[in-house]
Amino acid sequence: MFPEINFPRAGAALVALLCCALTACGGSGGGKGADGPGTAGGRKAATPQAPAPSPSVRASAAPTLPPGPGGATPVFSHGRRDGGKRVALTFDADMTSDQGPRAARGEHFDNPALIETLRRLKVPATVFMTGRWAEQYPGQAKSIGGDPLFEVASHSYSHHAFTTPCYGLPTVPRAEARADVERAFTAFRRAGVEHIVPYFRFPGGCHDDGVLKELGPAKVTAVQWDVVSGDAFAKQAGPVASQVISQVKPGSVVVMHCTRSAAPTTEEAVRRIVPELRAKGYEFVRVSDLVAGH
């Protein structure tokens, strides 16, 4: 799906379709500010602690990678391959800045059952959340961000692309890139999210050297992945689970989605992925745990 990642064409088509069709990798909920039913409310060694984030981020202390050339935002795709059998499941909670009317008509951009399954199975995870999602589901955002199992990172405010072309997504003007990233952190704080980490995931995974330099002052680490789940618009959970299980390596970062309408089989897939990977000796960790050991 994304240039720097090699994965089966089927997974690529699904995720590209998601970004093109929805202009965001996700789907759903009630009216503005409503929580859906079932709401529970690389380059160098990592530094031991994140550099002081900009005031608008105020993220929790978490390890980050050192800046790239010229102070550019560093990029993290997976942890150490020789650091033990650890894997991070990540979930993109997508919602664009203009999807309020769709949510008001009943489209579900949340997935509370998935979050409850992660809790029941005691699976740590990193949720890459758009600011618009946090505004739509403030209770769920606060609940996720207050649970020690989880950490919340920015997936931008608007889920618009930071470079073009990018699967048909509208584009954030280059001069507004940093503000869009930081606006998401502001939305998290307003929703009462506690465990915010200074990480950012590009919508569609699309970025270039220019935007990495533009985002440098935000003092975030850009987090990509090395395993694509293929859960976007998947009709059956089995192929999603099989794709993840077959591709995971020590230190892998798996990208999945925390949205019901766009990724309806994710929760079921997780129920298979977790026990099978544990049977293979894998430990589930958050992205910050992998960055700390990088």
C-alpha atoms as a PDB file:
ATOM      1  CA  MET A   1       0.000   0.000   0.000  1.00  0.00           C
ATOM      2  CA  PHE A   2       2.758   2.371   0.752  1.00  0.00           C
ATOM      3  CA  PRO A   3       5.998   2.767  -1.171  1.00  0.00           C
ATOM      4  CA  GLU A   4       8.355   1.823   1.613  1.00  0.00           C
ATOM      5  CA  ILE A   5       6.485  -1.342   2.574  1.00  0.00           C
ATOM      6  CA  ASN A   6       6.456  -4.620   0.699  1.00  0.00           C
ATOM      7  CA  PHE A   7       3.381  -6.738   1.239  1.00  0.00           C
ATOM      8  CA  PRO A   8       0.855  -8.821  -0.696  1.00  0.00           C
ATOM      9  CA  ARG A   9      -1.124  -6.957  -3.339  1.00  0.00           C
ATOM     10  CA  ALA A  10      -4.419  -7.966  -1.764  1.00  0.00           C
ATOM     11  CA  GLY A  11      -3.544  -6.145   1.460  1.00  0.00           C
ATOM     12  CA  ALA A  12      -2.352  -3.161  -0.515  1.00  0.00           C
ATOM     13  CA  ALA A  13      -5.550  -2.930  -2.514  1.00  0.00           C
ATOM     14  CA  LEU A  14      -7.705  -3.077   0.574  1.00  0.00           C
ATOM     15  CA  VAL A  15      -5.905  -0.304   2.403  1.00  0.00           C
ATOM     16  CA  ALA A  16      -5.593   1.879  -0.674  1.00  0.00           C
ATOM     17  CA  LEU A  17      -9.310   1.422  -1.274  1.00  0.00           C
ATOM     18  CA  LEU A  18     -10.005   2.496   2.277  1.00  0.00           C
ATOM     19  CA  CYS A  19      -8.057   5.724   1.945  1.00  0.00           C
ATOM     20  CA  CYS A  20      -9.489   6.487  -1.479  1.00  0.00           C
ATOM     21  CA  ALA A  21     -13.105   5.621  -0.805  1.00  0.00           C
ATOM     22  CA  LEU A  22     -13.460   7.215   2.609  1.00  0.00           C
ATOM     23  CA  THR A  23     -10.771   9.888   2.386  1.00  0.00           C
ATOM     24  CA  ALA A  24      -9.768   8.373   5.702  1.00  0.00           C
ATOM     25  CA  CYS A  25      -8.823   4.897   6.817  1.00  0.00           C
ATOM     26  CA  GLY A  26     -11.860   4.347   8.989  1.00  0.00           C
ATOM     27  CA  GLY A  27     -15.475   4.720   9.600  1.00  0.00           C
ATOM     28  CA  SER A  28     -18.332   5.793  12.481  1.00  0.00           C
ATOM     29  CA  GLY A  29     -20.529   6.946  15.411  1.00  0.00           C
ATOM     30  CA  GLY A  30     -23.332   9.186  16.529  1.00  0.00           C
ATOM     31  CA  GLY A  31     -23.596  12.948  16.346  1.00  0.00           C
ATOM     32  CA  LYS A  32     -20.775  15.313  17.205  1.00  0.00           C
ATOM     33  CA  GLY A  33     -19.328  14.626  20.613  1.00  0.00           C
ATOM     34  CA  ALA A  34     -21.311  11.411  20.937  1.00  0.00           C
ATOM     35  CA  ASP A  35     -19.878   8.115  22.060  1.00  0.00           C
ATOM     36  CA  GLY A  36     -21.106   5.010  20.272  1.00  0.00           C
ATOM     37  CA  PRO A  37     -22.896   2.111  21.940  1.00  0.00           C
ATOM     38  CA  GLY A  38     -20.752   0.034  24.236  1.00  0.00           C
ATOM     39  CA  THR A  39     -18.500   2.996  25.117  1.00  0.00           C
ATOM     40  CA  ALA A  40     -16.237   2.313  28.056  1.00  0.00           C
ATOM     41  CA  GLY A  41     -16.537   5.914  28.866  1.00  0.00           C
ATOM     42  CA  GLY A  42      15.037   4.365  11.788  1.00  0.00           C
ATOM     43  CA  ARG A  43      17.769   5.651  12.371  1.00  0.00           C
ATOM     44  CA  LYS A  44      19.833   5.697  15.530  1.00  0.00           C
ATOM     45  CA  ALA A  45      19.574   4.378  19.067  1.00  0.00           C
ATOM     46  CA  ALA A  46      16.653   5.790  20.996  1.00  0.00           C
ATOM     47  CA  THR A  47      17.265   8.404  23.632  1.00  0.00           C
ATOM     48  CA  PRO A  48      16.185   7.357  27.144  1.00  0.00           C
ATOM     49  CA  GLN A  49      13.561  10.083  27.266  1.00  0.00           C
ATOM     50  CA  ALA A  50      11.764  12.223  24.728  1.00  0.00           C
ATOM     51  CA  PRO A  51      13.059  15.729  24.136  1.00  0.00           C
ATOM     52  CA  ALA A  52      10.789  18.364  25.587  1.00  0.00           C
ATOM     53  CA  PRO A  53       7.713  18.450  23.355  1.00  0.00           C
ATOM     54  CA  SER A  54       6.337  21.698  22.083  1.00  0.00           C
ATOM     55  CA  PRO A  55       3.861  23.294  24.518  1.00  0.00           C
ATOM     56  CA  SER A  56       0.870  22.374  22.384  1.00  0.00           C
ATOM     57  CA  VAL A  57       1.763  18.682  22.502  1.00  0.00           C
ATOM     58  CA  ARG A  58       2.532  18.201  26.207  1.00  0.00           C
ATOM     59  CA  ALA A  59       2.898  14.490  25.624  1.00  0.00           C
ATOM     60  CA  SER A  60       3.761  11.952  28.287  1.00  0.00           C
ATOM     61  CA  ALA A  61       7.429  11.174  28.725  1.00  0.00           C
ATOM     62  CA  ALA A  62       8.235   8.448  26.216  1.00  0.00           C
ATOM     63  CA  PRO A  63      11.324   7.437  24.263  1.00  0.00           C
ATOM     64  CA  THR A  64      11.834   8.945  20.829  1.00  0.00           C
ATOM     65  CA  LEU A  65      14.433   8.643  18.119  1.00  0.00           C
ATOM     66  CA  PRO A  66      16.944  11.476  17.761  1.00  0.00           C
ATOM     67  CA  PRO A  67      16.240  14.012  14.998  1.00  0.00           C
ATOM     68  CA  GLY A  68      17.318  13.275  11.460  1.00  0.00           C
ATOM     69  CA  PRO A  69      19.543  15.504   9.296  1.00  0.00           C
ATOM     70  CA  GLY A  70      18.777  19.162   9.744  1.00  0.00           C
ATOM     71  CA  GLY A  71      16.468  18.440  12.675  1.00  0.00           C
ATOM     72  CA  ALA A  72      14.035  16.435  10.539  1.00  0.00           C
ATOM     73  CA  THR A  73      11.441  14.209  12.191  1.00  0.00           C
ATOM     74  CA  PRO A  74      12.872  10.689  12.561  1.00  0.00           C
ATOM     75  CA  VAL A  75      10.971   7.669  11.208  1.00  0.00           C
ATOM     76  CA  PHE A  76      10.457   4.375  13.065  1.00  0.00           C
ATOM     77  CA  SER A  77       9.111   1.306  11.240  1.00  0.00           C
ATOM     78  CA  HIS A  78       9.959  -1.617  13.515  1.00  0.00           C
ATOM     79  CA  GLY A  79      11.965  -2.526  16.579  1.00  0.00           C
ATOM     80  CA  ARG A  80      15.107  -4.584  16.901  1.00  0.00           C
ATOM     81  CA  ARG A  81      15.012  -7.970  15.232  1.00  0.00           C
ATOM     82  CA  ASP A  82      17.355  -9.357  17.886  1.00  0.00           C
ATOM     83  CA  GLY A  83      15.528  -7.846  20.836  1.00  0.00           C
ATOM     84  CA  GLY A  84      13.277 -10.798  21.599  1.00  0.00           C
ATOM     85  CA  LYS A  85       9.915 -11.880  20.228  1.00  0.00           C
ATOM     86  CA  ARG A  86       8.011  -8.668  20.834  1.00  0.00           C
ATOM     87  CA  VAL A  87       5.335  -7.208  18.597  1.00  0.00           C
ATOM     88  CA  ALA A  88       3.293  -3.988  18.745  1.00  0.00           C
ATOM     89  CA  LEU A  89      -0.297  -3.957  17.531  1.00  0.00           C
ATOM     90  CA  THR A  90      -1.286  -0.448  16.447  1.00  0.00           C
ATOM     91  CA  PHE A  91      -4.771   0.765  15.595  1.00  0.00           C
ATOM     92  CA  ASP A  92      -5.616   3.828  13.506  1.00  0.00           C
ATOM     93  CA  ALA A  93      -8.719   5.605  14.791  1.00  0.00           C
ATOM     94  CA  ASP A  94      -9.529   7.521  11.618  1.00  0.00           C
ATOM     95  CA  MET A  95     -11.961  10.314  11.005  1.00  0.00           C
ATOM     96  CA  THR A  96     -11.558  13.284   8.702  1.00  0.00           C
ATOM     97  CA  SER A  97     -12.383  16.842   9.662  1.00  0.00           C
ATOM     98  CA  ASP A  98     -15.440  16.865   7.362  1.00  0.00           C
ATOM     99  CA  GLN A  99     -17.092  13.543   8.251  1.00  0.00           C
ATOM    100  CA  GLY A 100     -19.388  14.871  10.975  1.00  0.00           C
ATOM    101  CA  PRO A 101     -22.495  14.577   8.770  1.00  0.00           C
ATOM    102  CA  ARG A 102     -21.732  10.922   8.060  1.00  0.00           C
ATOM    103  CA  ALA A 103     -21.353  10.263  11.763  1.00  0.00           C
ATOM    104  CA  ALA A 104     -24.614  12.080  12.416  1.00  0.00           C
ATOM    105  CA  ARG A 105     -26.325   9.732   9.963  1.00  0.00           C
ATOM    106  CA  GLY A 106     -25.117   6.760  11.993  1.00  0.00           C
ATOM    107  CA  GLU A 107     -21.823   5.702  10.408  1.00  0.00           C
ATOM    108  CA  HIS A 108     -19.554   4.214  13.063  1.00  0.00           C
ATOM    109  CA  PHE A 109     -15.990   5.475  13.136  1.00  0.00           C
ATOM    110  CA  ASP A 110     -15.339   3.824  16.498  1.00  0.00           C
ATOM    111  CA  ASN A 111     -14.988   0.205  17.606  1.00  0.00           C
ATOM    112  CA  PRO A 112     -15.614  -0.151  21.357  1.00  0.00           C
ATOM    113  CA  ALA A 113     -15.852  -3.952  21.097  1.00  0.00           C
ATOM    114  CA  LEU A 114     -12.274  -4.047  19.800  1.00  0.00           C
ATOM    115  CA  ILE A 115     -11.020  -1.978  22.735  1.00  0.00           C
ATOM    116  CA  GLU A 116     -12.857  -4.228  25.189  1.00  0.00           C
ATOM    117  CA  THR A 117     -11.359  -7.329  23.562  1.00  0.00           C
ATOM    118  CA  LEU A 118      -7.860  -5.882  23.914  1.00  0.00           C
ATOM    119  CA  ARG A 119      -8.602  -5.233  27.572  1.00  0.00           C
ATOM    120  CA  ARG A 120     -10.013  -8.696  28.157  1.00  0.00           C
ATOM    121  CA  LEU A 121      -7.005 -10.309  26.510  1.00  0.00           C
ATOM    122  CA  LYS A 122      -4.658  -7.898  28.312  1.00  0.00           C
ATOM    123  CA  VAL A 123      -3.016  -6.733  25.095  1.00  0.00           C
ATOM    124  CA  PRO A 124      -1.069  -3.453  25.245  1.00  0.00           C
ATOM    125  CA  ALA A 125      -1.522  -1.346  22.111  1.00  0.00           C
ATOM    126  CA  THR A 126      -0.844   2.040  20.588  1.00  0.00           C
ATOM    127  CA  VAL A 127      -3.813   3.937  19.151  1.00  0.00           C
ATOM    128  CA  PHE A 128      -3.054   6.497  16.449  1.00  0.00           C
ATOM    129  CA  MET A 129      -6.018   8.809  16.742  1.00  0.00           C
ATOM    130  CA  THR A 130      -7.108  11.757  14.648  1.00  0.00           C
ATOM    131  CA  GLY A 131      -8.124  14.878  16.508  1.00  0.00           C
ATOM    132  CA  ARG A 132     -11.489  14.750  14.810  1.00  0.00           C
ATOM    133  CA  TRP A 133     -12.058  11.222  16.187  1.00  0.00           C
ATOM    134  CA  ALA A 134     -11.297  12.446  19.714  1.00  0.00           C
ATOM    135  CA  GLU A 135     -13.807  15.257  19.284  1.00  0.00           C
ATOM    136  CA  GLN A 136     -16.457  12.840  18.026  1.00  0.00           C
ATOM    137  CA  TYR A 137     -15.875  10.294  20.803  1.00  0.00           C
ATOM    138  CA  PRO A 138     -14.421  12.216  23.762  1.00  0.00           C
ATOM    139  CA  GLY A 139     -15.593   9.635  26.295  1.00  0.00           C
ATOM    140  CA  GLN A 140     -13.962   6.787  24.430  1.00  0.00           C
ATOM    141  CA  ALA A 141     -10.795   8.804  23.810  1.00  0.00           C
ATOM    142  CA  LYS A 142     -10.541   9.581  27.526  1.00  0.00           C
ATOM    143  CA  SER A 143     -11.165   5.953  28.467  1.00  0.00           C
ATOM    144  CA  ILE A 144      -8.536   4.635  26.048  1.00  0.00           C
ATOM    145  CA  GLY A 145      -6.035   7.283  27.111  1.00  0.00           C
ATOM    146  CA  GLY A 146      -6.614   6.608  30.788  1.00  0.00           C
ATOM    147  CA  ASP A 147      -6.030   2.860  30.536  1.00  0.00           C
ATOM    148  CA  PRO A 148      -2.424   1.806  31.334  1.00  0.00           C
ATOM    149  CA  LEU A 149      -2.653  -0.828  28.581  1.00  0.00           C
ATOM    150  CA  PHE A 150      -2.812   1.837  25.896  1.00  0.00           C
ATOM    151  CA  GLU A 151      -1.012   4.907  24.653  1.00  0.00           C
ATOM    152  CA  VAL A 152      -2.462   7.534  22.291  1.00  0.00           C
ATOM    153  CA  ALA A 153      -0.520   9.154  19.453  1.00  0.00           C
ATOM    154  CA  SER A 154      -1.392  11.643  16.710  1.00  0.00           C
ATOM    155  CA  HIS A 155      -2.708  10.479  13.360  1.00  0.00           C
ATOM    156  CA  SER A 156      -3.142  14.161  12.423  1.00  0.00           C
ATOM    157  CA  TYR A 157      -6.216  16.245  13.124  1.00  0.00           C
ATOM    158  CA  SER A 158      -7.908  16.003   9.743  1.00  0.00           C
ATOM    159  CA  HIS A 159      -6.543  12.767   8.190  1.00  0.00           C
ATOM    160  CA  HIS A 160      -5.519  14.688   5.108  1.00  0.00           C
ATOM    161  CA  ALA A 161      -2.345  13.782   3.225  1.00  0.00           C
ATOM    162  CA  PHE A 162       0.993  15.424   3.996  1.00  0.00           C
ATOM    163  CA  THR A 163       2.353  14.754   0.502  1.00  0.00           C
ATOM    164  CA  THR A 164       0.677  14.176  -2.833  1.00  0.00           C
ATOM    165  CA  PRO A 165      -0.379  11.976  -4.484  1.00  0.00           C
ATOM    166  CA  CYS A 166      -1.637   9.913  -1.563  1.00  0.00           C
ATOM    167  CA  TYR A 167      -4.535   7.613  -2.421  1.00  0.00           C
ATOM    168  CA  GLY A 168      -6.893  10.471  -3.255  1.00  0.00           C
ATOM    169  CA  LEU A 169      -6.692  12.145   0.153  1.00  0.00           C
ATOM    170  CA  PRO A 170      -7.024  15.938   0.299  1.00  0.00           C
ATOM    171  CA  THR A 171      -3.672  17.567   1.075  1.00  0.00           C
ATOM    172  CA  VAL A 172      -2.625  19.621   4.078  1.00  0.00           C
ATOM    173  CA  PRO A 173      -0.717  22.723   2.883  1.00  0.00           C
ATOM    174  CA  ARG A 174       2.953  22.243   3.728  1.00  0.00           C
ATOM    175  CA  ALA A 175       3.002  25.367   5.899  1.00  0.00           C
ATOM    176  CA  GLU A 176       0.119  23.980   7.982  1.00  0.00           C
ATOM    177  CA  ALA A 177       1.560  20.495   8.511  1.00  0.00           C
ATOM    178  CA  ARG A 178       2.929  21.054  12.000  1.00  0.00           C
ATOM    179  CA  ALA A 179      -0.218  22.835  13.153  1.00  0.00           C
ATOM    180  CA  ASP A 180      -2.361  19.925  11.953  1.00  0.00           C
ATOM    181  CA  VAL A 181      -0.286  17.405  13.911  1.00  0.00           C
ATOM    182  CA  GLU A 182      -0.336  19.506  17.052  1.00  0.00           C
ATOM    183  CA  ARG A 183      -4.043  20.260  16.742  1.00  0.00           C
ATOM    184  CA  ALA A 184      -4.660  16.565  17.287  1.00  0.00           C
ATOM    185  CA  PHE A 185      -2.721  16.625  20.567  1.00  0.00           C
ATOM    186  CA  THR A 186      -4.789  19.619  21.647  1.00  0.00           C
ATOM    187  CA  ALA A 187      -7.997  17.693  20.905  1.00  0.00           C
ATOM    188  CA  PHE A 188      -6.714  14.777  23.011  1.00  0.00           C
ATOM    189  CA  ARG A 189      -6.065  17.027  26.002  1.00  0.00           C
ATOM    190  CA  ARG A 190      -9.490  18.606  25.699  1.00  0.00           C
ATOM    191  CA  ALA A 191     -11.042  15.123  25.748  1.00  0.00           C
ATOM    192  CA  GLY A 192      -9.122  14.303  28.932  1.00  0.00           C
ATOM    193  CA  VAL A 193      -6.695  11.797  27.383  1.00  0.00           C
ATOM    194  CA  GLU A 194      -3.896  11.122  29.872  1.00  0.00           C
ATOM    195  CA  HIS A 195      -1.374   8.817  28.240  1.00  0.00           C
ATOM    196  CA  ILE A 196      -0.338  10.794  25.154  1.00  0.00           C
ATOM    197  CA  VAL A 197       2.965   9.867  23.520  1.00  0.00           C
ATOM    198  CA  PRO A 198       4.985  12.088  21.133  1.00  0.00           C
ATOM    199  CA  TYR A 199       4.464   9.890  18.081  1.00  0.00           C
ATOM    200  CA  PHE A 200       2.772  10.671  14.778  1.00  0.00           C
ATOM    201  CA  ARG A 201       1.543   8.472  11.939  1.00  0.00           C
ATOM    202  CA  PHE A 202       1.132   9.992   8.477  1.00  0.00           C
ATOM    203  CA  PRO A 203      -2.311   9.425   6.944  1.00  0.00           C
ATOM    204  CA  GLY A 204      -1.801   6.885   4.183  1.00  0.00           C
ATOM    205  CA  GLY A 205       1.798   6.550   5.359  1.00  0.00           C
ATOM    206  CA  CYS A 206       2.704   9.201   2.758  1.00  0.00           C
ATOM    207  CA  HIS A 207       5.619  11.512   3.500  1.00  0.00           C
ATOM    208  CA  ASP A 208       8.785  12.943   1.991  1.00  0.00           C
ATOM    209  CA  ASP A 209      11.957  14.600   3.232  1.00  0.00           C
ATOM    210  CA  GLY A 210      10.413  18.040   2.969  1.00  0.00           C
ATOM    211  CA  VAL A 211       7.539  17.342   5.326  1.00  0.00           C
ATOM    212  CA  LEU A 212       9.853  15.530   7.767  1.00  0.00           C
ATOM    213  CA  LYS A 213      11.863  18.746   8.001  1.00  0.00           C
ATOM    214  CA  GLU A 214       8.681  20.798   8.332  1.00  0.00           C
ATOM    215  CA  LEU A 215       7.551  18.681  11.297  1.00  0.00           C
ATOM    216  CA  GLY A 216      10.950  18.702  13.015  1.00  0.00           C
ATOM    217  CA  PRO A 217      10.029  21.447  15.531  1.00  0.00           C
ATOM    218  CA  ALA A 218       7.052  19.381  16.735  1.00  0.00           C
ATOM    219  CA  LYS A 219       9.571  16.950  18.278  1.00  0.00           C
ATOM    220  CA  VAL A 220       7.616  13.827  17.390  1.00  0.00           C
ATOM    221  CA  THR A 221       8.806  10.481  16.031  1.00  0.00           C
ATOM    222  CA  ALA A 222       6.970   9.386  12.880  1.00  0.00           C
ATOM    223  CA  VAL A 223       5.801   5.788  13.271  1.00  0.00           C
ATOM    224  CA  GLN A 224       5.248   3.606  10.213  1.00  0.00           C
ATOM    225  CA  TRP A 225       4.996  -0.221  10.253  1.00  0.00           C
ATOM    226  CA  ASP A 226       6.389  -3.379   8.707  1.00  0.00           C
ATOM    227  CA  VAL A 227       3.222  -5.516   8.779  1.00  0.00           C
ATOM    228  CA  VAL A 228      -0.015  -4.506   7.026  1.00  0.00           C
ATOM    229  CA  SER A 229      -3.008  -6.445   8.383  1.00  0.00           C
ATOM    230  CA  GLY A 230      -5.262  -5.960   5.353  1.00  0.00           C
ATOM    231  CA  ASP A 231      -8.234  -5.328   7.666  1.00  0.00           C
ATOM    232  CA  ALA A 232      -9.472  -2.357   5.609  1.00  0.00           C
ATOM    233  CA  PHE A 233     -12.863  -3.358   4.183  1.00  0.00           C
ATOM    234  CA  ALA A 234     -12.072  -7.029   4.777  1.00  0.00           C
ATOM    235  CA  LYS A 235     -15.162  -9.244   4.633  1.00  0.00           C
ATOM    236  CA  GLN A 236     -13.694 -12.098   6.649  1.00  0.00           C
ATOM    237  CA  ALA A 237     -11.456 -12.101   9.705  1.00  0.00           C
ATOM    238  CA  GLY A 238      -9.557 -15.276   8.792  1.00  0.00           C
ATOM    239  CA  PRO A 239      -7.419 -13.829   5.982  1.00  0.00           C
ATOM    240  CA  VAL A 240      -6.619 -10.772   8.101  1.00  0.00           C
ATOM    241  CA  ALA A 241      -5.443 -12.925  11.007  1.00  0.00           C
ATOM    242  CA  SER A 242      -3.464 -15.225   8.731  1.00  0.00           C
ATOM    243  CA  GLN A 243      -1.716 -12.306   7.029  1.00  0.00           C
ATOM    244  CA  VAL A 244      -0.619 -10.819  10.356  1.00  0.00           C
ATOM    245  CA  ILE A 245       0.482 -14.126  11.868  1.00  0.00           C
ATOM    246  CA  SER A 246       2.508 -15.070   8.780  1.00  0.00           C
ATOM    247  CA  GLN A 247       4.271 -11.705   8.466  1.00  0.00           C
ATOM    248  CA  VAL A 248       5.136 -10.850  12.079  1.00  0.00           C
ATOM    249  CA  LYS A 249       8.818 -10.895  13.008  1.00  0.00           C
ATOM    250  CA  PRO A 250      10.547  -9.922  16.248  1.00  0.00           C
ATOM    251  CA  GLY A 251      10.109  -6.177  16.684  1.00  0.00           C
ATOM    252  CA  SER A 252       7.232  -5.867  14.194  1.00  0.00           C
ATOM    253  CA  VAL A 253       4.780  -2.978  14.174  1.00  0.00           C
ATOM    254  CA  VAL A 254       1.376  -4.104  12.838  1.00  0.00           C
ATOM    255  CA  VAL A 255      -1.035  -1.541  11.389  1.00  0.00           C
ATOM    256  CA  MET A 256      -4.743  -2.204  11.919  1.00  0.00           C
ATOM    257  CA  HIS A 257      -7.845  -0.026  12.287  1.00  0.00           C
ATOM    258  CA  CYS A 258     -10.141   0.960  15.131  1.00  0.00           C
ATOM    259  CA  THR A 259     -13.189   1.634  12.962  1.00  0.00           C
ATOM    260  CA  ARG A 260     -16.331  -0.429  12.512  1.00  0.00           C
ATOM    261  CA  SER A 261     -17.687   0.583   9.124  1.00  0.00           C
ATOM    262  CA  ALA A 262     -14.319   0.506   7.355  1.00  0.00           C
ATOM    263  CA  ALA A 263     -12.735  -2.435   9.169  1.00  0.00           C
ATOM    264  CA  PRO A 264     -15.597  -4.543  10.538  1.00  0.00           C
ATOM    265  CA  THR A 265     -13.622  -7.772  11.027  1.00  0.00           C
ATOM    266  CA  THR A 266     -10.722  -6.403  13.078  1.00  0.00           C
ATOM    267  CA  GLU A 267     -12.031  -7.384  16.496  1.00  0.00           C
ATOM    268  CA  GLU A 268     -12.640 -10.958  15.390  1.00  0.00           C
ATOM    269  CA  ALA A 269      -9.200 -11.120  13.774  1.00  0.00           C
ATOM    270  CA  VAL A 270      -7.559  -9.925  16.981  1.00  0.00           C
ATOM    271  CA  ARG A 271      -9.216 -12.757  18.883  1.00  0.00           C
ATOM    272  CA  ARG A 272      -7.309 -15.191  16.661  1.00  0.00           C
ATOM    273  CA  ILE A 273      -4.070 -13.238  16.281  1.00  0.00           C
ATOM    274  CA  VAL A 274      -3.404 -12.819  19.988  1.00  0.00           C
ATOM    275  CA  PRO A 275      -3.493 -16.456  21.156  1.00  0.00           C
ATOM    276  CA  GLU A 276      -1.681 -17.734  18.063  1.00  0.00           C
ATOM    277  CA  LEU A 277       1.185 -15.278  18.367  1.00  0.00           C
ATOM    278  CA  ARG A 278       1.410 -15.912  22.098  1.00  0.00           C
ATOM    279  CA  ALA A 279       1.626 -19.625  21.352  1.00  0.00           C
ATOM    280  CA  LYS A 280       4.605 -18.805  19.122  1.00  0.00           C
ATOM    281  CA  GLY A 281       6.277 -17.053  22.046  1.00  0.00           C
ATOM    282  CA  TYR A 282       5.469 -13.435  21.171  1.00  0.00           C
ATOM    283  CA  GLU A 283       4.910 -10.750  23.771  1.00  0.00           C
ATOM    284  CA  PHE A 284       2.620  -7.827  22.941  1.00  0.00           C
ATOM    285  CA  VAL A 285       4.021  -4.380  23.710  1.00  0.00           C
ATOM    286  CA  ARG A 286       3.339  -0.748  22.876  1.00  0.00           C
ATOM    287  CA  VAL A 287       5.301   1.191  20.264  1.00  0.00           C
ATOM    288  CA  SER A 288       7.071   3.086  23.050  1.00  0.00           C
ATOM    289  CA  ASP A 289       8.435  -0.227  24.350  1.00  0.00           C
ATOM    290  CA  LEU A 290       9.931  -1.025  20.942  1.00  0.00           C
ATOM    291  CA  VAL A 291      11.365   2.481  20.533  1.00  0.00           C
ATOM    292  CA  ALA A 292      12.944   2.251  23.985  1.00  0.00           C
ATOM    293  CA  GLY A 293      14.899  -0.822  22.939  1.00  0.00           C
ATOM    294  CA  HIS A 294      15.790   0.375  19.441  1.00  0.00           C
END
